C-alpha cells in the first residue's frame, strides 16, 4: 500500500515538472534515451505532456488580435 502512494507521488511530481519546465523534461528524456538508460518508448506520456505545455506557452506568447 505504501509503495502505491509513493509511486503516485512520484508520478504527480514528474507530471508537474513537465508542466513547469517542459523543455527540461524533454531534454532529460532525450538524454536518457540516447544513453540507453530507458527504452525509446519509456516516458512517452511525459514527453507528450511536455509537448502540450510547450505548445501552450508558444500560443500564449503570440500577440492577441483584437
PDB file of N, CA and C in Angstrom:
ATOM      1  N   UNK A   1       0.825  -1.193   0.000  1.00  0.00           N
ATOM      2  CA  UNK A   1       0.000   0.000   0.000  1.00  0.00           C
ATOM      3  C   UNK A   1       0.869   1.257   0.000  1.00  0.00           C
ATOM      4  N   UNK A   2       1.890   1.266   0.810  1.00  0.00           N
ATOM      5  CA  UNK A   2       2.760   2.423   0.904  1.00  0.00           C
ATOM      6  C   UNK A   2       3.503   2.680  -0.401  1.00  0.00           C
ATOM      7  N   UNK A   3       3.862   1.616  -1.113  1.00  0.00           N
ATOM      8  CA  UNK A   3       4.556   1.749  -2.382  1.00  0.00           C
ATOM      9  C   UNK A   3       3.648   2.425  -3.402  1.00  0.00           C
ATOM     10  N   UNK A   4       2.363   2.101  -3.396  1.00  0.00           N
ATOM     11  CA  UNK A   4       1.400   2.713  -4.315  1.00  0.00           C
ATOM     12  C   UNK A   4       1.302   4.219  -4.111  1.00  0.00           C
ATOM     13  N   UNK A   5       1.265   4.643  -2.876  1.00  0.00           N
ATOM     14  CA  UNK A   5       1.208   6.075  -2.562  1.00  0.00           C
ATOM     15  C   UNK A   5       2.490   6.762  -3.016  1.00  0.00           C
ATOM     16  N   UNK A   6       3.616   6.119  -2.783  1.00  0.00           N
ATOM     17  CA  UNK A   6       4.911   6.672  -3.190  1.00  0.00           C
ATOM     18  C   UNK A   6       4.969   6.826  -4.709  1.00  0.00           C
ATOM     19  N   UNK A   7       4.538   5.809  -5.435  1.00  0.00           N
ATOM     20  CA  UNK A   7       4.561   5.869  -6.899  1.00  0.00           C
ATOM     21  C   UNK A   7       3.643   6.961  -7.423  1.00  0.00           C
ATOM     22  N   UNK A   8       2.484   7.108  -6.820  1.00  0.00           N
ATOM     23  CA  UNK A   8       1.559   8.170  -7.234  1.00  0.00           C
ATOM     24  C   UNK A   8       2.173   9.543  -6.997  1.00  0.00           C
ATOM     25  N   UNK A   9       2.864   9.691  -5.891  1.00  0.00           N
ATOM     26  CA  UNK A   9       3.517  10.959  -5.578  1.00  0.00           C
ATOM     27  C   UNK A   9       4.629  11.274  -6.573  1.00  0.00           C
ATOM     28  N   UNK A  10       5.421  10.273  -6.907  1.00  0.00           N
ATOM     29  CA  UNK A  10       6.495  10.444  -7.888  1.00  0.00           C
ATOM     30  C   UNK A  10       5.904  10.794  -9.249  1.00  0.00           C
ATOM     31  N   UNK A  11       4.857  10.095  -9.654  1.00  0.00           N
ATOM     32  CA  UNK A  11       4.214  10.373 -10.940  1.00  0.00           C
ATOM     33  C   UNK A  11       3.654  11.789 -10.969  1.00  0.00           C
ATOM     34  N   UNK A  12       3.022  12.213  -9.896  1.00  0.00           N
ATOM     35  CA  UNK A  12       2.473  13.569  -9.832  1.00  0.00           C
ATOM     36  C   UNK A  12       3.587  14.611  -9.905  1.00  0.00           C
ATOM     37  N   UNK A  13       4.698  14.348  -9.258  1.00  0.00           N
ATOM     38  CA  UNK A  13       5.836  15.269  -9.305  1.00  0.00           C
ATOM     39  C   UNK A  13       6.407  15.356 -10.716  1.00  0.00           C
ATOM     40  N   UNK A  14       6.523  14.220 -11.383  1.00  0.00           N
ATOM     41  CA  UNK A  14       7.048  14.204 -12.752  1.00  0.00           C
ATOM     42  C   UNK A  14       6.131  14.957 -13.699  1.00  0.00           C
ATOM     43  N   UNK A  15       4.831  14.768 -13.565  1.00  0.00           N
ATOM     44  CA  UNK A  15       3.872  15.491 -14.408  1.00  0.00           C
ATOM     45  C   UNK A  15       3.944  16.987 -14.125  1.00  0.00           C
ATOM     46  N   UNK A  16       4.028  17.369 -12.865  1.00  0.00           N
ATOM     47  CA  UNK A  16       4.118  18.791 -12.533  1.00  0.00           C
ATOM     48  C   UNK A  16       5.391  19.405 -13.095  1.00  0.00           C
ATOM     49  N   UNK A  17       6.490  18.683 -13.070  1.00  0.00           N
ATOM     50  CA  UNK A  17       7.737  19.175 -13.656  1.00  0.00           C
ATOM     51  C   UNK A  17       7.584  19.346 -15.162  1.00  0.00           C
ATOM     52  N   UNK A  18       6.887  18.423 -15.817  1.00  0.00           N
ATOM     53  CA  UNK A  18       6.645  18.540 -17.258  1.00  0.00           C
ATOM     54  C   UNK A  18       5.813  19.777 -17.572  1.00  0.00           C
ATOM     55  N   UNK A  19       4.945  20.160 -16.664  1.00  0.00           N
ATOM     56  CA  UNK A  19       4.136  21.368 -16.843  1.00  0.00           C
ATOM     57  C   UNK A  19       4.979  22.610 -16.562  1.00  0.00           C
ATOM     58  N   UNK A  20       5.755  22.578 -15.496  1.00  0.00           N
ATOM     59  CA  UNK A  20       6.537  23.750 -15.076  1.00  0.00           C
ATOM     60  C   UNK A  20       7.725  24.040 -15.989  1.00  0.00           C
ATOM     61  N   UNK A  21       8.415  23.011 -16.423  1.00  0.00           N
ATOM     62  CA  UNK A  21       9.607  23.196 -17.260  1.00  0.00           C
ATOM     63  C   UNK A  21       9.664  22.099 -18.329  1.00  0.00           C
ATOM     64  N   UNK A  22       8.785  22.204 -19.324  1.00  0.00           N
ATOM     65  CA  UNK A  22       8.689  21.126 -20.312  1.00  0.00           C
ATOM     66  C   UNK A  22       9.954  20.932 -21.139  1.00  0.00           C
ATOM     67  N   UNK A  23      10.679  21.984 -21.422  1.00  0.00           N
ATOM     68  CA  UNK A  23      11.895  21.823 -22.224  1.00  0.00           C
ATOM     69  C   UNK A  23      12.960  21.048 -21.455  1.00  0.00           C
ATOM     70  N   UNK A  24      13.054  21.256 -20.172  1.00  0.00           N
ATOM     71  CA  UNK A  24      13.986  20.485 -19.344  1.00  0.00           C
ATOM     72  C   UNK A  24      13.606  19.012 -19.346  1.00  0.00           C
ATOM     73  N   UNK A  25      12.322  18.734 -19.194  1.00  0.00           N
ATOM     74  CA  UNK A  25      11.853  17.350 -19.180  1.00  0.00           C
ATOM     75  C   UNK A  25      12.178  16.669 -20.507  1.00  0.00           C
ATOM     76  N   UNK A  26      11.928  17.347 -21.619  1.00  0.00           N
ATOM     77  CA  UNK A  26      12.225  16.775 -22.929  1.00  0.00           C
ATOM     78  C   UNK A  26      13.724  16.522 -23.090  1.00  0.00           C
ATOM     79  N   UNK A  27      14.541  17.444 -22.601  1.00  0.00           N
ATOM     80  CA  UNK A  27      15.995  17.280 -22.702  1.00  0.00           C
ATOM     81  C   UNK A  27      16.474  16.090 -21.877  1.00  0.00           C
ATOM     82  N   UNK A  28      15.938  15.930 -20.681  1.00  0.00           N
ATOM     83  CA  UNK A  28      16.338  14.809 -19.821  1.00  0.00           C
ATOM     84  C   UNK A  28      15.900  13.482 -20.438  1.00  0.00           C
ATOM     85  N   UNK A  29      14.672  13.433 -20.957  1.00  0.00           N
ATOM     86  CA  UNK A  29      14.190  12.204 -21.592  1.00  0.00           C
ATOM     87  C   UNK A  29      15.059  11.859 -22.794  1.00  0.00           C
ATOM     88  N   UNK A  30      15.389  12.852 -23.612  1.00  0.00           N
ATOM     89  CA  UNK A  30      16.236  12.614 -24.788  1.00  0.00           C
ATOM     90  C   UNK A  30      17.605  12.091 -24.376  1.00  0.00           C
ATOM     91  N   UNK A  31      18.164  12.668 -23.319  1.00  0.00           N
ATOM     92  CA  UNK A  31      19.481  12.218 -22.847  1.00  0.00           C
ATOM     93  C   UNK A  31      19.413  10.787 -22.317  1.00  0.00           C
ATOM     94  N   UNK A  32      18.358  10.451 -21.591  1.00  0.00           N
ATOM     95  CA  UNK A  32      18.199   9.091 -21.069  1.00  0.00           C
ATOM     96  C   UNK A  32      18.033   8.078 -22.198  1.00  0.00           C
ATOM     97  N   UNK A  33      17.296   8.462 -23.229  1.00  0.00           N
ATOM     98  CA  UNK A  33      17.122   7.562 -24.384  1.00  0.00           C
ATOM     99  C   UNK A  33      18.443   7.362 -25.114  1.00  0.00           C
ATOM    100  N   UNK A  34      19.158   8.449 -25.318  1.00  0.00           N
ATOM    101  CA  UNK A  34      20.425   8.382 -26.049  1.00  0.00           C
ATOM    102  C   UNK A  34      21.442   7.517 -25.314  1.00  0.00           C
ATOM    103  N   UNK A  35      21.475   7.622 -23.998  1.00  0.00           N
ATOM    104  CA  UNK A  35      22.438   6.856 -23.210  1.00  0.00           C
ATOM    105  C   UNK A  35      22.019   5.402 -23.037  1.00  0.00           C
ATOM    106  N   UNK A  36      20.773   5.091 -23.385  1.00  0.00           N
ATOM    107  CA  UNK A  36      20.292   3.721 -23.247  1.00  0.00           C
ATOM    108  C   UNK A  36      19.755   3.399 -21.867  1.00  0.00           C
ATOM    109  N   UNK A  37      19.637   4.415 -21.007  1.00  0.00           N
ATOM    110  CA  UNK A  37      19.123   4.185 -19.657  1.00  0.00           C
ATOM    111  C   UNK A  37      17.636   3.847 -19.652  1.00  0.00           C
ATOM    112  N   UNK A  38      16.906   4.296 -20.685  1.00  0.00           N
ATOM    113  CA  UNK A  38      15.497   3.950 -20.818  1.00  0.00           C
ATOM    114  C   UNK A  38      15.254   3.489 -22.248  1.00  0.00           C
ATOM    115  N   UNK A  39      14.197   2.734 -22.426  1.00  0.00           N
ATOM    116  CA  UNK A  39      13.807   2.284 -23.762  1.00  0.00           C
ATOM    117  C   UNK A  39      13.188   3.460 -24.522  1.00  0.00           C
ATOM    118  N   UNK A  40      13.238   3.420 -25.846  1.00  0.00           N
ATOM    119  CA  UNK A  40      12.676   4.524 -26.643  1.00  0.00           C
ATOM    120  C   UNK A  40      11.208   4.829 -26.347  1.00  0.00           C
ATOM    121  N   UNK A  41      10.435   3.813 -25.967  1.00  0.00           N
ATOM    122  CA  UNK A  41       9.019   4.057 -25.701  1.00  0.00           C
ATOM    123  C   UNK A  41       8.712   4.336 -24.228  1.00  0.00           C
ATOM    124  N   UNK A  42       9.718   4.387 -23.384  1.00  0.00           N
ATOM    125  CA  UNK A  42       9.508   4.749 -21.981  1.00  0.00           C
ATOM    126  C   UNK A  42       9.276   6.254 -21.858  1.00  0.00           C
ATOM    127  N   UNK A  43       8.469   6.633 -20.929  1.00  0.00           N
ATOM    128  CA  UNK A  43       8.181   8.031 -20.599  1.00  0.00           C
ATOM    129  C   UNK A  43       7.528   8.803 -21.748  1.00  0.00           C
ATOM    130  N   UNK A  44       6.856   8.106 -22.627  1.00  0.00           N
ATOM    131  CA  UNK A  44       6.168   8.766 -23.748  1.00  0.00           C
ATOM    132  C   UNK A  44       5.096   9.715 -23.224  1.00  0.00           C
ATOM    133  N   UNK A  45       4.401   9.316 -22.157  1.00  0.00           N
ATOM    134  CA  UNK A  45       3.339  10.180 -21.617  1.00  0.00           C
ATOM    135  C   UNK A  45       3.913  11.499 -21.115  1.00  0.00           C
ATOM    136  N   UNK A  46       5.088  11.483 -20.491  1.00  0.00           N
ATOM    137  CA  UNK A  46       5.702  12.735 -20.045  1.00  0.00           C
ATOM    138  C   UNK A  46       6.155  13.578 -21.230  1.00  0.00           C
ATOM    139  N   UNK A  47       6.648  12.920 -22.259  1.00  0.00           N
ATOM    140  CA  UNK A  47       7.064  13.610 -23.472  1.00  0.00           C
ATOM    141  C   UNK A  47       5.867  14.330 -24.098  1.00  0.00           C
ATOM    142  N   UNK A  48       4.720  13.667 -24.139  1.00  0.00           N
ATOM    143  CA  UNK A  48       3.505  14.275 -24.705  1.00  0.00           C
ATOM    144  C   UNK A  48       3.010  15.434 -23.854  1.00  0.00           C
ATOM    145  N   UNK A  49       3.051  15.289 -22.548  1.00  0.00           N
ATOM    146  CA  UNK A  49       2.639  16.374 -21.654  1.00  0.00           C
ATOM    147  C   UNK A  49       3.545  17.576 -21.867  1.00  0.00           C
ATOM    148  N   UNK A  50       4.844  17.343 -21.954  1.00  0.00           N
ATOM    149  CA  UNK A  50       5.798  18.432 -22.180  1.00  0.00           C
ATOM    150  C   UNK A  50       5.529  19.109 -23.520  1.00  0.00           C
ATOM    151  N   UNK A  51       5.289  18.313 -24.579  1.00  0.00           N
ATOM    152  CA  UNK A  51       4.964  18.892 -25.884  1.00  0.00           C
ATOM    153  C   UNK A  51       3.731  19.780 -25.807  1.00  0.00           C
ATOM    154  N   UNK A  52       2.729  19.304 -25.110  1.00  0.00           N
ATOM    155  CA  UNK A  52       1.488  20.065 -24.973  1.00  0.00           C
ATOM    156  C   UNK A  52       1.736  21.403 -24.282  1.00  0.00           C
ATOM    157  N   UNK A  53       2.517  21.410 -23.208  1.00  0.00           N
ATOM    158  CA  UNK A  53       2.774  22.640 -22.476  1.00  0.00           C
ATOM    159  C   UNK A  53       3.706  23.575 -23.230  1.00  0.00           C
ATOM    160  N   UNK A  54       4.595  23.041 -24.041  1.00  0.00           N
ATOM    161  CA  UNK A  54       5.419  23.898 -24.895  1.00  0.00           C
ATOM    162  C   UNK A  54       4.517  24.596 -25.908  1.00  0.00           C
ATOM    163  N   UNK A  55       3.579  23.860 -26.496  1.00  0.00           N
ATOM    164  CA  UNK A  55       2.631  24.432 -27.450  1.00  0.00           C
ATOM    165  C   UNK A  55       1.782  25.525 -26.790  1.00  0.00           C
ATOM    166  N   UNK A  56       1.307  25.281 -25.591  1.00  0.00           N
ATOM    167  CA  UNK A  56       0.505  26.272 -24.865  1.00  0.00           C
ATOM    168  C   UNK A  56       1.326  27.529 -24.595  1.00  0.00           C
ATOM    169  N   UNK A  57       2.570  27.356 -24.175  1.00  0.00           N
ATOM    170  CA  UNK A  57       3.435  28.515 -23.896  1.00  0.00           C
ATOM    171  C   UNK A  57       3.678  29.328 -25.162  1.00  0.00           C
ATOM    172  N   UNK A  58       3.872  28.654 -26.292  1.00  0.00           N
ATOM    173  CA  UNK A  58       4.082  29.369 -27.548  1.00  0.00           C
ATOM    174  C   UNK A  58       2.835  30.136 -27.957  1.00  0.00           C
ATOM    175  N   UNK A  59       1.672  29.551 -27.764  1.00  0.00           N
ATOM    176  CA  UNK A  59       0.421  30.235 -28.085  1.00  0.00           C
ATOM    177  C   UNK A  59       0.217  31.448 -27.180  1.00  0.00           C
ATOM    178  N   UNK A  60       0.607  31.336 -25.937  1.00  0.00           N
ATOM    179  CA  UNK A  60       0.442  32.449 -25.006  1.00  0.00           C
ATOM    180  C   UNK A  60       1.397  33.603 -25.319  1.00  0.00           C
ATOM    181  N   UNK A  61       2.520  33.313 -25.956  1.00  0.00           N
ATOM    182  CA  UNK A  61       3.478  34.355 -26.321  1.00  0.00           C
ATOM    183  C   UNK A  61       3.032  35.158 -27.537  1.00  0.00           C
ATOM    184  N   UNK A  62       2.164  34.568 -28.354  1.00  0.00           N
ATOM    185  CA  UNK A  62       1.698  35.270 -29.550  1.00  0.00           C
ATOM    186  C   UNK A  62       0.799  36.429 -29.159  1.00  0.00           C
ATOM    187  N   UNK A  63       0.911  37.538 -29.887  1.00  0.00           N
ATOM    188  CA  UNK A  63       0.048  38.681 -29.562  1.00  0.00           C
ATOM    189  C   UNK A  63      -1.415  38.349 -29.862  1.00  0.00           C
ATOM    190  N   UNK A  64      -2.274  38.828 -28.998  1.00  0.00           N
ATOM    191  CA  UNK A  64      -3.698  38.611 -29.172  1.00  0.00           C
ATOM    192  C   UNK A  64      -4.259  39.607 -30.175  1.00  0.00           C
ATOM    193  N   UNK A  65      -5.090  39.123 -31.072  1.00  0.00           N
ATOM    194  CA  UNK A  65      -5.717  40.013 -32.054  1.00  0.00           C
ATOM    195  C   UNK A  65      -7.020  40.540 -31.494  1.00  0.00           C
ATOM    196  N   UNK A  66      -7.263  41.809 -31.755  1.00  0.00           N
ATOM    197  CA  UNK A  66      -8.494  42.439 -31.226  1.00  0.00           C
ATOM    198  C   UNK A  66      -9.660  42.241 -32.132  1.00  0.00           C
TER     199      UNK A  66
END
